Each structure stands twice: as structure tokens, then as C-alpha cells.
Protein backbone atom coordinates (compact mmCIF):
# COMPACT_ATOMS: atom_id res chain seq x y z
CA MET A 1 -13.15 -17.93 -28.40
CA ALA A 2 -16.54 -19.83 -28.05
CA VAL A 3 -18.11 -17.44 -31.05
CA VAL A 4 -15.76 -18.44 -33.23
CA SER A 5 -15.02 -21.38 -32.66
CA TYR A 6 -18.57 -21.98 -33.02
CA LEU A 7 -18.81 -19.43 -37.12
CA ARG A 8 -15.58 -21.93 -37.78
CA THR A 9 -16.82 -25.14 -37.39
CA SER A 10 -20.22 -24.40 -38.93
CA ALA A 11 -18.44 -22.96 -42.21
CA GLN A 12 -17.48 -26.43 -42.21
CA GLY A 13 -21.52 -28.21 -42.00
CA ASP A 14 -20.84 -29.39 -38.23
CA VAL A 15 -23.44 -27.27 -36.25
CA GLY A 16 -23.52 -28.84 -32.44
CA ALA A 17 -22.79 -25.34 -30.58
CA THR A 18 -22.13 -28.44 -27.80
CA THR A 19 -18.24 -27.34 -27.31
CA GLU A 20 -19.16 -23.96 -27.36
CA VAL A 21 -21.65 -24.20 -24.89
CA ALA A 22 -19.12 -26.49 -22.17
CA ALA A 23 -16.78 -23.91 -22.00
CA PHE A 24 -19.43 -21.48 -21.41
CA ALA A 25 -20.36 -23.19 -19.02
CA THR A 26 -16.46 -24.23 -17.96
CA PHE A 27 -16.06 -20.46 -17.60
CA LEU A 28 -20.01 -19.43 -15.22
CA LEU A 29 -18.86 -22.15 -12.66
CA GLY A 30 -15.17 -21.60 -12.02
CA ALA A 31 -16.54 -17.81 -12.21
CA LEU A 32 -19.82 -18.69 -9.47
CA ALA A 33 -16.45 -20.57 -7.60
CA GLY A 34 -14.72 -17.47 -7.37
CA ALA A 35 -17.49 -16.11 -6.22
CA GLY A 36 -17.27 -18.45 -3.46
CA ASP A 37 -20.06 -20.66 -3.60
CA LYS A 38 -17.60 -23.88 -4.32
CA PHE A 39 -20.48 -26.50 -2.98
CA ILE A 40 -23.15 -25.14 -5.93
CA ALA A 41 -20.17 -25.06 -8.56
CA GLY A 42 -19.07 -27.92 -8.15
CA VAL A 43 -22.17 -30.03 -8.05
CA ALA A 44 -23.34 -28.11 -11.16
CA GLY A 45 -19.85 -29.16 -12.62
CA VAL A 46 -21.53 -33.04 -11.91
CA ALA A 47 -24.46 -32.35 -13.66
CA VAL A 48 -22.68 -30.27 -16.68
CA ALA A 49 -20.49 -33.55 -16.95
CA VAL A 50 -23.14 -36.13 -16.86
CA LEU A 51 -25.43 -34.90 -19.26
CA LEU A 52 -22.50 -34.07 -21.53
CA VAL A 53 -21.91 -37.68 -20.79
CA ALA A 54 -25.18 -39.02 -21.39
CA LYS A 55 -25.65 -36.84 -24.93
CA PRO A 56 -25.58 -39.44 -27.35
CA ARG A 57 -28.68 -41.16 -25.77
CA ILE A 58 -30.52 -37.91 -24.94
CA GLU A 59 -30.77 -37.18 -28.47
CA GLU A 60 -31.45 -40.29 -29.04
CA PHE A 61 -34.02 -40.12 -26.25
CA SER A 62 -35.15 -37.55 -28.40
CA ARG A 63 -35.71 -37.27 -32.27
CA ALA A 64 -37.85 -40.56 -30.84
CA LEU A 65 -40.15 -39.01 -29.40
CA THR A 66 -43.33 -37.60 -31.96
CA GLY A 67 -45.03 -33.81 -31.36
CA GLU A 68 -47.69 -35.20 -29.27
CA GLU A 69 -45.56 -37.00 -26.55
CA LEU A 70 -43.50 -34.00 -25.92
CA ALA A 71 -46.94 -31.40 -25.88
CA ALA A 72 -48.34 -34.24 -23.29
CA THR A 73 -44.93 -33.92 -21.83
CA LEU A 74 -45.13 -30.10 -21.93
CA GLU A 75 -48.58 -30.20 -20.63
CA LEU A 76 -48.06 -32.37 -17.36
CA ALA A 77 -45.21 -29.84 -16.58
CA VAL A 78 -46.97 -26.52 -16.26
CA ILE A 79 -50.47 -28.66 -14.32
CA SER A 80 -47.75 -30.27 -12.08
CA VAL A 81 -46.45 -26.16 -11.49
CA ILE A 82 -49.97 -24.73 -11.33
CA VAL A 83 -50.47 -27.99 -9.08
CA LEU A 84 -47.80 -27.32 -6.86
CA ARG A 85 -48.66 -23.76 -6.51
CA GLY A 86 -52.53 -24.65 -4.96
CA CYS A 87 -51.00 -27.45 -2.26
CA SER A 88 -48.62 -24.84 -1.26
CA LYS A 89 -49.97 -22.70 1.68
CA ASP A 90 -47.29 -20.21 1.87
CA GLY A 91 -45.84 -20.62 -2.06
CA TYR A 92 -42.67 -22.49 0.29
CA TRP A 93 -41.96 -24.75 -3.16
CA LEU A 94 -41.98 -21.09 -5.15
CA ASP A 95 -39.74 -20.28 -2.48
CA LEU A 96 -37.08 -23.21 -3.50
CA MET A 97 -37.36 -22.35 -6.88
CA ALA A 98 -36.69 -18.29 -6.20
CA SER A 99 -33.03 -18.90 -4.20
């Protein structure tokens, strides 16, 4: 259903996929809650709602970034992952990401 919705709206010139992605996220979170992990599904649902409310500001911010600023942000992310892994004696930080 989300694919049909996307195809119809994109044919009219509206290329955004927010509604379709939100519908898919809702389905996945419902499946997660149905599988018994209601707390994580609830937390993720709130996170999705916050992102949807903040979407206009996030788009404005992303359009204001230059290529240099984006590259610097990605470099910081990569360095942070390497440094955090190097500071960990038993790989605890990466174990948290895996679980």
C-alpha cells in the first residue's frame, strides 16, 4: 500500500516519502510490540513522532549545511567510533550497539 501511495504522489510531482516511511515504521513498531517488546516499540514510536514534528526544521538545517561541514561531521563520527572503541578494554561500547 505504501508503494502504491508513493507511486501515485510521485507521478503528481510530489516526490516526498515521509508518509510512506512513517506508515512502514508504524507497521514495524506494531510488529515489535506484538512480539512482546512493548517498551522499545513505545520509545521508538515517540522518537518517530518527534522526528516527524521536527521535520521542517531538520530539512531547513540540512539545506543550510555546506559540503565541507557535512564532511567534517562525518569525519567526527568516524573518529568518535574509532576512539571509543580504542578506549574500551572489553569492547563494551560496541556490545551495547549490537544488542
